[in-house]
Amino acid sequence: MRATVDLEGRLLRPAPPERFGPAELDGLPEPVRRHLAQAIAPGTPLHTAARLRMRGAIKVGRWLPFRVRQVLSPREGFVWSARAAGLIAGSDRYLEGAGAMQWKLAGLVTVAAGDGPDVSRSAAGRAGAEGVWLPTALLPRFGVRWSAPAGDHVTAAFEVGETPVELHLRLDRAGRVTWLAFDRWGDPDGAGTSTWRPASPRWTSSSHGFGWHRFGGEITGYASFGGLTIPSAGRLGWHPGGDRFTDGEFFRYRITELQPAGPAGAGGTGAGSR
């Protein structure tokens, strides 16, 4: 527990003193301006980290309910601590270039664990994509390169460590995200192998079978927290936008709290509707 708290503290950097205003959107294409203007209220601190709580269901063979607390800094990493079905508890994390996961049944039996370069690269992409939950962290001033291939389609390109991320966001007329996708490192079809490390109860994946695969899905709800309006509910997984998403979907979420980090932060709860 102490180790988790220490990791969270390293991610929770306070916001800079500046606040959001029209100048942050200068030079951006109209669809990007429309998206960011609806997501960030004027005068909102330029948060780069936040605490979140969410609940939902995750498919691990079958769908299991979960509750989560998370610390997120999209350009730096995350700690996602959860309890599923009341019995399985653990965390996924990414920080300083290293990703890892550790899950136990009743606190005793390890049911899933992993680390290594494949886990790290996949987790880095996840951290970046979850920036849609903290849109101030995706402003151009933080090195994010926005473009608009169409009036209802914008992209945000940046790096998390050495991992490239290019988010594709489909927008409604108000500029809200209705669908997202990006190329994420992974092995969704289970073609890779794993190696047991006898010195500790962990698995390290091999690179065989891993590659860049489309990840994303549908946004089903919105909520406002402390000046930020975010896609607070959705259905996500591998192979979005096609027939394979039926099998690839494994994560359904609803964010119930978001509290931006640091003295400049303002938190709260909200409920959004599509």
C-alpha atoms as a PDB file:
ATOM      1  CA  MET A   1       0.000   0.000   0.000  1.00  0.00           C
ATOM      2  CA  ARG A   2       2.805   2.417   0.906  1.00  0.00           C
ATOM      3  CA  ALA A   3       4.506   1.734  -2.432  1.00  0.00           C
ATOM      4  CA  THR A   4       1.285   2.579  -4.285  1.00  0.00           C
ATOM      5  CA  VAL A   5       0.883   5.825  -2.355  1.00  0.00           C
ATOM      6  CA  ASP A   6       4.487   6.762  -3.145  1.00  0.00           C
ATOM      7  CA  LEU A   7       3.921   6.149  -6.866  1.00  0.00           C
ATOM      8  CA  GLU A   8       0.732   8.212  -6.807  1.00  0.00           C
ATOM      9  CA  GLY A   9       2.528  11.082  -5.106  1.00  0.00           C
ATOM     10  CA  ARG A  10       5.172  11.183  -7.826  1.00  0.00           C
ATOM     11  CA  LEU A  11       2.447  11.654 -10.442  1.00  0.00           C
ATOM     12  CA  LEU A  12       0.403  14.306  -8.625  1.00  0.00           C
ATOM     13  CA  ARG A  13       2.149  17.458  -9.756  1.00  0.00           C
ATOM     14  CA  PRO A  14       0.329  20.763  -9.114  1.00  0.00           C
ATOM     15  CA  ALA A  15      -1.049  22.761 -12.003  1.00  0.00           C
ATOM     16  CA  PRO A  16       0.981  25.692 -13.362  1.00  0.00           C
ATOM     17  CA  PRO A  17      -0.267  29.165 -12.362  1.00  0.00           C
ATOM     18  CA  GLU A  18      -1.823  29.962 -15.768  1.00  0.00           C
ATOM     19  CA  ARG A  19      -5.516  29.421 -16.445  1.00  0.00           C
ATOM     20  CA  PHE A  20      -7.412  28.446 -19.572  1.00  0.00           C
ATOM     21  CA  GLY A  21      -8.375  31.211 -21.974  1.00  0.00           C
ATOM     22  CA  PRO A  22      -8.859  31.823 -25.727  1.00  0.00           C
ATOM     23  CA  ALA A  23      -5.117  32.230 -26.313  1.00  0.00           C
ATOM     24  CA  GLU A  24      -4.623  28.504 -25.615  1.00  0.00           C
ATOM     25  CA  LEU A  25      -6.556  27.758 -28.827  1.00  0.00           C
ATOM     26  CA  ASP A  26      -4.837  30.244 -31.150  1.00  0.00           C
ATOM     27  CA  GLY A  27      -3.940  28.739 -34.513  1.00  0.00           C
ATOM     28  CA  LEU A  28      -5.847  25.500 -34.043  1.00  0.00           C
ATOM     29  CA  PRO A  29      -8.341  24.178 -36.639  1.00  0.00           C
ATOM     30  CA  GLU A  30     -11.979  25.012 -35.919  1.00  0.00           C
ATOM     31  CA  PRO A  31     -13.015  21.434 -34.953  1.00  0.00           C
ATOM     32  CA  VAL A  32     -10.164  21.272 -32.429  1.00  0.00           C
ATOM     33  CA  ARG A  33     -11.104  24.658 -30.962  1.00  0.00           C
ATOM     34  CA  ARG A  34     -14.739  23.541 -30.712  1.00  0.00           C
ATOM     35  CA  HIS A  35     -13.726  20.343 -28.922  1.00  0.00           C
ATOM     36  CA  LEU A  36     -11.361  21.947 -26.409  1.00  0.00           C
ATOM     37  CA  ALA A  37     -13.631  24.942 -25.752  1.00  0.00           C
ATOM     38  CA  GLN A  38     -16.519  22.687 -24.700  1.00  0.00           C
ATOM     39  CA  ALA A  39     -14.188  20.492 -22.618  1.00  0.00           C
ATOM     40  CA  ILE A  40     -12.448  23.256 -20.609  1.00  0.00           C
ATOM     41  CA  ALA A  41     -14.289  26.157 -19.000  1.00  0.00           C
ATOM     42  CA  PRO A  42     -12.663  29.631 -19.118  1.00  0.00           C
ATOM     43  CA  GLY A  43     -10.501  30.238 -16.056  1.00  0.00           C
ATOM     44  CA  THR A  44      -9.877  26.548 -15.343  1.00  0.00           C
ATOM     45  CA  PRO A  45      -6.366  25.821 -14.023  1.00  0.00           C
ATOM     46  CA  LEU A  46      -4.178  23.978 -16.513  1.00  0.00           C
ATOM     47  CA  HIS A  47      -4.139  20.675 -14.667  1.00  0.00           C
ATOM     48  CA  THR A  48      -1.780  17.906 -15.746  1.00  0.00           C
ATOM     49  CA  ALA A  49      -2.695  15.323 -13.087  1.00  0.00           C
ATOM     50  CA  ALA A  50      -5.812  14.214 -11.246  1.00  0.00           C
ATOM     51  CA  ARG A  51      -7.370  11.658  -8.927  1.00  0.00           C
ATOM     52  CA  LEU A  52     -10.337   9.709 -10.294  1.00  0.00           C
ATOM     53  CA  ARG A  53     -12.861   7.182  -9.101  1.00  0.00           C
ATOM     54  CA  MET A  54     -14.802   4.944 -11.447  1.00  0.00           C
ATOM     55  CA  ARG A  55     -16.888   1.825 -11.541  1.00  0.00           C
ATOM     56  CA  GLY A  56     -17.916  -0.511 -14.296  1.00  0.00           C
ATOM     57  CA  ALA A  57     -17.327  -4.016 -15.614  1.00  0.00           C
ATOM     58  CA  ILE A  58     -14.292  -5.773 -17.037  1.00  0.00           C
ATOM     59  CA  LYS A  59     -14.314  -8.970 -19.085  1.00  0.00           C
ATOM     60  CA  VAL A  60     -11.919 -11.605 -17.807  1.00  0.00           C
ATOM     61  CA  GLY A  61     -13.475 -14.656 -19.386  1.00  0.00           C
ATOM     62  CA  ARG A  62     -16.784 -13.295 -18.075  1.00  0.00           C
ATOM     63  CA  TRP A  63     -17.892  -9.779 -17.113  1.00  0.00           C
ATOM     64  CA  LEU A  64     -16.957  -8.813 -13.535  1.00  0.00           C
ATOM     65  CA  PRO A  65     -18.006  -5.606 -11.741  1.00  0.00           C
ATOM     66  CA  PHE A  66     -15.206  -3.352 -10.505  1.00  0.00           C
ATOM     67  CA  ARG A  67     -14.559  -0.236  -8.449  1.00  0.00           C
ATOM     68  CA  VAL A  68     -11.426   1.843  -9.027  1.00  0.00           C
ATOM     69  CA  ARG A  69      -9.407   4.682  -7.652  1.00  0.00           C
ATOM     70  CA  GLN A  70      -6.840   6.101 -10.042  1.00  0.00           C
ATOM     71  CA  VAL A  71      -4.131   8.718 -10.226  1.00  0.00           C
ATOM     72  CA  LEU A  72      -3.577   9.891 -13.805  1.00  0.00           C
ATOM     73  CA  SER A  73      -1.001  12.145 -15.411  1.00  0.00           C
ATOM     74  CA  PRO A  74      -1.460  11.418 -19.124  1.00  0.00           C
ATOM     75  CA  ARG A  75       2.034  12.443 -20.227  1.00  0.00           C
ATOM     76  CA  GLU A  76       3.730  10.755 -17.230  1.00  0.00           C
ATOM     77  CA  GLY A  77       1.721   7.688 -16.227  1.00  0.00           C
ATOM     78  CA  PHE A  78      -0.990   6.314 -13.986  1.00  0.00           C
ATOM     79  CA  VAL A  79      -1.758   4.052 -11.038  1.00  0.00           C
ATOM     80  CA  TRP A  80      -5.074   2.184 -11.470  1.00  0.00           C
ATOM     81  CA  SER A  81      -6.036   0.396  -8.236  1.00  0.00           C
ATOM     82  CA  ALA A  82      -9.151  -1.768  -8.395  1.00  0.00           C
ATOM     83  CA  ARG A  83     -11.247  -4.444  -6.770  1.00  0.00           C
ATOM     84  CA  ALA A  84     -13.221  -6.760  -9.061  1.00  0.00           C
ATOM     85  CA  ALA A  85     -16.101  -8.995  -8.002  1.00  0.00           C
ATOM     86  CA  GLY A  86     -15.256  -8.237  -4.375  1.00  0.00           C
ATOM     87  CA  LEU A  87     -12.421 -10.800  -4.350  1.00  0.00           C
ATOM     88  CA  ILE A  88      -9.737  -9.850  -6.895  1.00  0.00           C
ATOM     89  CA  ALA A  89      -7.657  -6.765  -6.048  1.00  0.00           C
ATOM     90  CA  GLY A  90      -4.535  -5.186  -7.451  1.00  0.00           C
ATOM     91  CA  SER A  91      -3.243  -2.484  -9.755  1.00  0.00           C
ATOM     92  CA  ASP A  92      -1.981  -1.586 -13.214  1.00  0.00           C
ATOM     93  CA  ARG A  93       0.630   1.153 -13.394  1.00  0.00           C
ATOM     94  CA  TYR A  94       3.032   3.052 -15.608  1.00  0.00           C
ATOM     95  CA  LEU A  95       5.669   5.504 -14.424  1.00  0.00           C
ATOM     96  CA  GLU A  96       9.104   6.588 -15.641  1.00  0.00           C
ATOM     97  CA  GLY A  97       9.067   4.274 -18.623  1.00  0.00           C
ATOM     98  CA  ALA A  98       8.068   1.111 -16.768  1.00  0.00           C
ATOM     99  CA  GLY A  99       4.669  -0.568 -16.743  1.00  0.00           C
ATOM    100  CA  ALA A 100       3.547  -3.378 -14.464  1.00  0.00           C
ATOM    101  CA  MET A 101       0.465  -5.196 -13.185  1.00  0.00           C
ATOM    102  CA  GLN A 102      -0.209  -7.261 -10.070  1.00  0.00           C
ATOM    103  CA  TRP A 103      -3.564  -8.919  -9.208  1.00  0.00           C
ATOM    104  CA  LYS A 104      -4.388 -11.308  -6.352  1.00  0.00           C
ATOM    105  CA  LEU A 105      -7.374 -13.378  -5.285  1.00  0.00           C
ATOM    106  CA  ALA A 106      -8.356 -12.705  -1.660  1.00  0.00           C
ATOM    107  CA  GLY A 107      -4.985 -10.998  -1.211  1.00  0.00           C
ATOM    108  CA  LEU A 108      -3.187 -14.353  -1.308  1.00  0.00           C
ATOM    109  CA  VAL A 109      -3.060 -16.020  -4.723  1.00  0.00           C
ATOM    110  CA  THR A 110      -1.546 -14.209  -7.692  1.00  0.00           C
ATOM    111  CA  VAL A 111      -3.984 -14.488 -10.604  1.00  0.00           C
ATOM    112  CA  ALA A 112      -2.263 -12.068 -13.004  1.00  0.00           C
ATOM    113  CA  ALA A 113       1.030 -10.221 -13.021  1.00  0.00           C
ATOM    114  CA  GLY A 114       3.364  -8.829 -15.620  1.00  0.00           C
ATOM    115  CA  ASP A 115       6.068  -6.360 -16.540  1.00  0.00           C
ATOM    116  CA  GLY A 116       8.705  -5.930 -19.221  1.00  0.00           C
ATOM    117  CA  PRO A 117       8.939  -3.916 -22.443  1.00  0.00           C
ATOM    118  CA  ASP A 118       5.657  -5.102 -23.991  1.00  0.00           C
ATOM    119  CA  VAL A 119       3.638  -4.349 -20.867  1.00  0.00           C
ATOM    120  CA  SER A 120       5.379  -0.976 -20.565  1.00  0.00           C
ATOM    121  CA  ARG A 121       4.734   0.079 -24.161  1.00  0.00           C
ATOM    122  CA  SER A 122       1.070  -0.919 -23.945  1.00  0.00           C
ATOM    123  CA  ALA A 123       0.635   0.909 -20.631  1.00  0.00           C
ATOM    124  CA  ALA A 124       2.264   4.067 -21.998  1.00  0.00           C
ATOM    125  CA  GLY A 125      -0.280   4.188 -24.827  1.00  0.00           C
ATOM    126  CA  ARG A 126      -3.087   3.685 -22.335  1.00  0.00           C
ATOM    127  CA  ALA A 127      -1.822   6.587 -20.207  1.00  0.00           C
ATOM    128  CA  GLY A 128      -1.840   8.893 -23.206  1.00  0.00           C
ATOM    129  CA  ALA A 129      -5.297   7.853 -24.399  1.00  0.00           C
ATOM    130  CA  GLU A 130      -6.757   8.467 -20.951  1.00  0.00           C
ATOM    131  CA  GLY A 131      -5.844  12.116 -21.489  1.00  0.00           C
ATOM    132  CA  VAL A 132      -9.405  12.540 -22.781  1.00  0.00           C
ATOM    133  CA  TRP A 133     -10.347  12.423 -19.064  1.00  0.00           C
ATOM    134  CA  LEU A 134      -8.049  15.401 -18.332  1.00  0.00           C
ATOM    135  CA  PRO A 135      -8.228  17.639 -21.425  1.00  0.00           C
ATOM    136  CA  THR A 136      -6.071  20.432 -19.955  1.00  0.00           C
ATOM    137  CA  ALA A 137      -3.124  17.990 -20.128  1.00  0.00           C
ATOM    138  CA  LEU A 138      -3.604  17.746 -23.906  1.00  0.00           C
ATOM    139  CA  LEU A 139      -3.288  21.451 -24.705  1.00  0.00           C
ATOM    140  CA  PRO A 140      -0.689  22.485 -27.320  1.00  0.00           C
ATOM    141  CA  ARG A 141       1.429  24.212 -24.662  1.00  0.00           C
ATOM    142  CA  PHE A 142       2.253  20.705 -23.358  1.00  0.00           C
ATOM    143  CA  GLY A 143       3.587  19.530 -26.720  1.00  0.00           C
ATOM    144  CA  VAL A 144       0.414  17.992 -28.158  1.00  0.00           C
ATOM    145  CA  ARG A 145       0.060  18.358 -31.939  1.00  0.00           C
ATOM    146  CA  TRP A 146      -3.589  18.722 -32.988  1.00  0.00           C
ATOM    147  CA  SER A 147      -5.046  18.374 -36.470  1.00  0.00           C
ATOM    148  CA  ALA A 148      -8.524  18.056 -38.021  1.00  0.00           C
ATOM    149  CA  PRO A 149      -8.870  15.649 -40.965  1.00  0.00           C
ATOM    150  CA  ALA A 150     -12.608  16.446 -41.077  1.00  0.00           C
ATOM    151  CA  GLY A 151     -15.181  18.592 -39.325  1.00  0.00           C
ATOM    152  CA  ASP A 152     -16.169  15.719 -37.042  1.00  0.00           C
ATOM    153  CA  HIS A 153     -12.725  14.124 -36.682  1.00  0.00           C
ATOM    154  CA  VAL A 154      -9.707  15.482 -34.804  1.00  0.00           C
ATOM    155  CA  THR A 155      -6.369  13.934 -33.886  1.00  0.00           C
ATOM    156  CA  ALA A 156      -3.960  14.573 -31.024  1.00  0.00           C
ATOM    157  CA  ALA A 157      -0.376  13.346 -31.458  1.00  0.00           C
ATOM    158  CA  PHE A 158       2.293  13.253 -28.748  1.00  0.00           C
ATOM    159  CA  GLU A 159       4.646  10.887 -26.954  1.00  0.00           C
ATOM    160  CA  VAL A 160       4.512   9.210 -23.555  1.00  0.00           C
ATOM    161  CA  GLY A 161       8.137   8.464 -22.851  1.00  0.00           C
ATOM    162  CA  GLU A 162       9.343   6.822 -26.059  1.00  0.00           C
ATOM    163  CA  THR A 163       5.892   5.546 -27.073  1.00  0.00           C
ATOM    164  CA  PRO A 164       4.072   7.476 -29.822  1.00  0.00           C
ATOM    165  CA  VAL A 165       0.353   8.140 -29.302  1.00  0.00           C
ATOM    166  CA  GLU A 166      -2.052   9.442 -31.937  1.00  0.00           C
ATOM    167  CA  LEU A 167      -5.624   9.732 -30.701  1.00  0.00           C
ATOM    168  CA  HIS A 168      -8.429   9.827 -33.259  1.00  0.00           C
ATOM    169  CA  LEU A 169     -11.552  11.437 -31.823  1.00  0.00           C
ATOM    170  CA  ARG A 170     -14.924  11.566 -33.547  1.00  0.00           C
ATOM    171  CA  LEU A 171     -17.007  14.572 -32.451  1.00  0.00           C
ATOM    172  CA  ASP A 172     -20.663  15.538 -32.318  1.00  0.00           C
ATOM    173  CA  ARG A 173     -21.843  19.027 -33.305  1.00  0.00           C
ATOM    174  CA  ALA A 174     -21.093  20.356 -29.818  1.00  0.00           C
ATOM    175  CA  GLY A 175     -17.500  19.118 -30.011  1.00  0.00           C
ATOM    176  CA  ARG A 176     -17.953  16.228 -27.570  1.00  0.00           C
ATOM    177  CA  VAL A 177     -16.149  12.943 -28.193  1.00  0.00           C
ATOM    178  CA  THR A 178     -18.484  10.169 -29.380  1.00  0.00           C
ATOM    179  CA  TRP A 179     -15.851   7.629 -30.402  1.00  0.00           C
ATOM    180  CA  LEU A 180     -12.090   7.267 -29.971  1.00  0.00           C
ATOM    181  CA  ALA A 181      -9.375   5.041 -31.388  1.00  0.00           C
ATOM    182  CA  PHE A 182      -5.598   4.775 -31.396  1.00  0.00           C
ATOM    183  CA  ASP A 183      -2.934   2.227 -32.215  1.00  0.00           C
ATOM    184  CA  ARG A 184      -1.898   0.459 -29.013  1.00  0.00           C
ATOM    185  CA  TRP A 185       0.880  -2.047 -28.516  1.00  0.00           C
ATOM    186  CA  GLY A 186      -0.503  -5.420 -27.499  1.00  0.00           C
ATOM    187  CA  ASP A 187      -1.340  -9.018 -28.275  1.00  0.00           C
ATOM    188  CA  PRO A 188      -5.160  -9.041 -28.385  1.00  0.00           C
ATOM    189  CA  ASP A 189      -5.324 -12.421 -30.143  1.00  0.00           C
ATOM    190  CA  GLY A 190      -3.060 -14.162 -27.622  1.00  0.00           C
ATOM    191  CA  ALA A 191      -0.394 -15.122 -30.148  1.00  0.00           C
ATOM    192  CA  GLY A 192       2.525 -14.294 -27.846  1.00  0.00           C
ATOM    193  CA  THR A 193       4.209 -16.350 -25.142  1.00  0.00           C
ATOM    194  CA  SER A 194       4.998 -15.741 -21.475  1.00  0.00           C
ATOM    195  CA  THR A 195       7.932 -16.754 -19.323  1.00  0.00           C
ATOM    196  CA  TRP A 196       7.749 -17.628 -15.627  1.00  0.00           C
ATOM    197  CA  ARG A 197      10.413 -16.019 -13.461  1.00  0.00           C
ATOM    198  CA  PRO A 198      10.999 -18.404 -10.520  1.00  0.00           C
ATOM    199  CA  ALA A 199      12.507 -15.720  -8.300  1.00  0.00           C
ATOM    200  CA  SER A 200       9.151 -13.949  -7.994  1.00  0.00           C
ATOM    201  CA  PRO A 201       5.527 -14.723  -8.858  1.00  0.00           C
ATOM    202  CA  ARG A 202       5.493 -12.709 -12.066  1.00  0.00           C
ATOM    203  CA  TRP A 203       5.188 -13.284 -15.780  1.00  0.00           C
ATOM    204  CA  THR A 204       7.222 -11.477 -18.403  1.00  0.00           C
ATOM    205  CA  SER A 205       5.841 -11.466 -21.941  1.00  0.00           C
ATOM    206  CA  SER A 206       7.905 -12.145 -25.026  1.00  0.00           C
ATOM    207  CA  SER A 207       7.598  -9.887 -28.064  1.00  0.00           C
ATOM    208  CA  HIS A 208       6.383 -12.696 -30.304  1.00  0.00           C
ATOM    209  CA  GLY A 209       2.790 -11.945 -31.274  1.00  0.00           C
ATOM    210  CA  PHE A 210       2.868  -8.354 -30.042  1.00  0.00           C
ATOM    211  CA  GLY A 211       2.360  -5.412 -32.363  1.00  0.00           C
ATOM    212  CA  TRP A 212       0.344  -2.274 -33.000  1.00  0.00           C
ATOM    213  CA  HIS A 213      -3.412  -2.937 -32.967  1.00  0.00           C
ATOM    214  CA  ARG A 214      -6.408  -0.602 -33.031  1.00  0.00           C
ATOM    215  CA  PHE A 215      -7.906   0.086 -29.601  1.00  0.00           C
ATOM    216  CA  GLY A 216     -10.836   2.284 -28.594  1.00  0.00           C
ATOM    217  CA  GLY A 217     -14.599   2.327 -28.664  1.00  0.00           C
ATOM    218  CA  GLU A 218     -17.794   4.242 -28.041  1.00  0.00           C
ATOM    219  CA  ILE A 219     -18.417   7.055 -25.558  1.00  0.00           C
ATOM    220  CA  THR A 220     -21.801   6.696 -23.850  1.00  0.00           C
ATOM    221  CA  GLY A 221     -21.892   9.530 -21.306  1.00  0.00           C
ATOM    222  CA  TYR A 222     -20.449  12.871 -20.186  1.00  0.00           C
ATOM    223  CA  ALA A 223     -19.959  14.663 -16.884  1.00  0.00           C
ATOM    224  CA  SER A 224     -18.450  17.926 -15.635  1.00  0.00           C
ATOM    225  CA  PHE A 225     -15.926  18.132 -12.803  1.00  0.00           C
ATOM    226  CA  GLY A 226     -14.256  21.356 -11.667  1.00  0.00           C
ATOM    227  CA  GLY A 227     -14.418  23.143 -15.025  1.00  0.00           C
ATOM    228  CA  LEU A 228     -13.741  20.053 -17.141  1.00  0.00           C
ATOM    229  CA  THR A 229     -16.372  18.254 -19.232  1.00  0.00           C
ATOM    230  CA  ILE A 230     -15.163  14.773 -20.080  1.00  0.00           C
ATOM    231  CA  PRO A 231     -16.295  11.518 -21.726  1.00  0.00           C
ATOM    232  CA  SER A 232     -17.202   9.962 -18.383  1.00  0.00           C
ATOM    233  CA  ALA A 233     -18.644   6.650 -19.622  1.00  0.00           C
ATOM    234  CA  GLY A 234     -17.866   4.298 -22.453  1.00  0.00           C
ATOM    235  CA  ARG A 235     -17.227   0.856 -23.918  1.00  0.00           C
ATOM    236  CA  LEU A 236     -13.608   0.133 -24.907  1.00  0.00           C
ATOM    237  CA  GLY A 237     -11.502  -2.690 -26.259  1.00  0.00           C
ATOM    238  CA  TRP A 238      -9.562  -4.029 -29.214  1.00  0.00           C
ATOM    239  CA  HIS A 239     -10.670  -3.737 -32.860  1.00  0.00           C
ATOM    240  CA  PRO A 240     -13.230  -0.914 -32.485  1.00  0.00           C
ATOM    241  CA  GLY A 241     -15.487  -0.031 -35.369  1.00  0.00           C
ATOM    242  CA  GLY A 242     -15.858  -3.526 -36.808  1.00  0.00           C
ATOM    243  CA  ASP A 243     -17.296  -6.972 -36.237  1.00  0.00           C
ATOM    244  CA  ARG A 244     -14.308  -8.033 -34.132  1.00  0.00           C
ATOM    245  CA  PHE A 245     -15.167  -5.488 -31.435  1.00  0.00           C
ATOM    246  CA  THR A 246     -17.795  -7.927 -30.132  1.00  0.00           C
ATOM    247  CA  ASP A 247     -14.956 -10.149 -28.942  1.00  0.00           C
ATOM    248  CA  GLY A 248     -12.405  -7.369 -28.421  1.00  0.00           C
ATOM    249  CA  GLU A 249     -14.488  -5.247 -26.044  1.00  0.00           C
ATOM    250  CA  PHE A 250     -13.475  -5.839 -22.424  1.00  0.00           C
ATOM    251  CA  PHE A 251     -13.878  -2.569 -20.491  1.00  0.00           C
ATOM    252  CA  ARG A 252     -17.033  -0.614 -19.600  1.00  0.00           C
ATOM    253  CA  TYR A 253     -16.543   2.361 -17.310  1.00  0.00           C
ATOM    254  CA  ARG A 254     -18.264   5.276 -15.623  1.00  0.00           C
ATOM    255  CA  ILE A 255     -16.212   7.969 -13.872  1.00  0.00           C
ATOM    256  CA  THR A 256     -17.921   9.108 -10.676  1.00  0.00           C
ATOM    257  CA  GLU A 257     -15.314  11.547  -9.306  1.00  0.00           C
ATOM    258  CA  LEU A 258     -12.446  13.574 -10.712  1.00  0.00           C
ATOM    259  CA  GLN A 259     -10.287  15.835  -8.563  1.00  0.00           C
ATOM    260  CA  PRO A 260      -7.459  17.700 -10.320  1.00  0.00           C
ATOM    261  CA  ALA A 261      -4.158  17.697  -8.464  1.00  0.00           C
ATOM    262  CA  GLY A 262      -2.358  20.396  -6.587  1.00  0.00           C
ATOM    263  CA  PRO A 263      -3.267  23.572  -4.689  1.00  0.00           C
ATOM    264  CA  ALA A 264      -4.857  25.060  -7.806  1.00  0.00           C
ATOM    265  CA  GLY A 265      -7.185  22.065  -8.222  1.00  0.00           C
ATOM    266  CA  ALA A 266     -10.918  21.993  -7.799  1.00  0.00           C
ATOM    267  CA  GLY A 267     -12.714  18.694  -7.533  1.00  0.00           C
ATOM    268  CA  GLY A 268     -16.225  17.434  -7.418  1.00  0.00           C
ATOM    269  CA  THR A 269     -18.680  14.903  -8.626  1.00  0.00           C
ATOM    270  CA  GLY A 270     -21.072  15.019 -11.502  1.00  0.00           C
ATOM    271  CA  ALA A 271     -23.397  13.017 -13.659  1.00  0.00           C
ATOM    272  CA  GLY A 272     -23.470  13.318 -17.396  1.00  0.00           C
ATOM    273  CA  SER A 273     -25.878  12.163 -20.024  1.00  0.00           C
ATOM    274  CA  ARG A 274     -25.252  11.546 -23.648  1.00  0.00           C
END
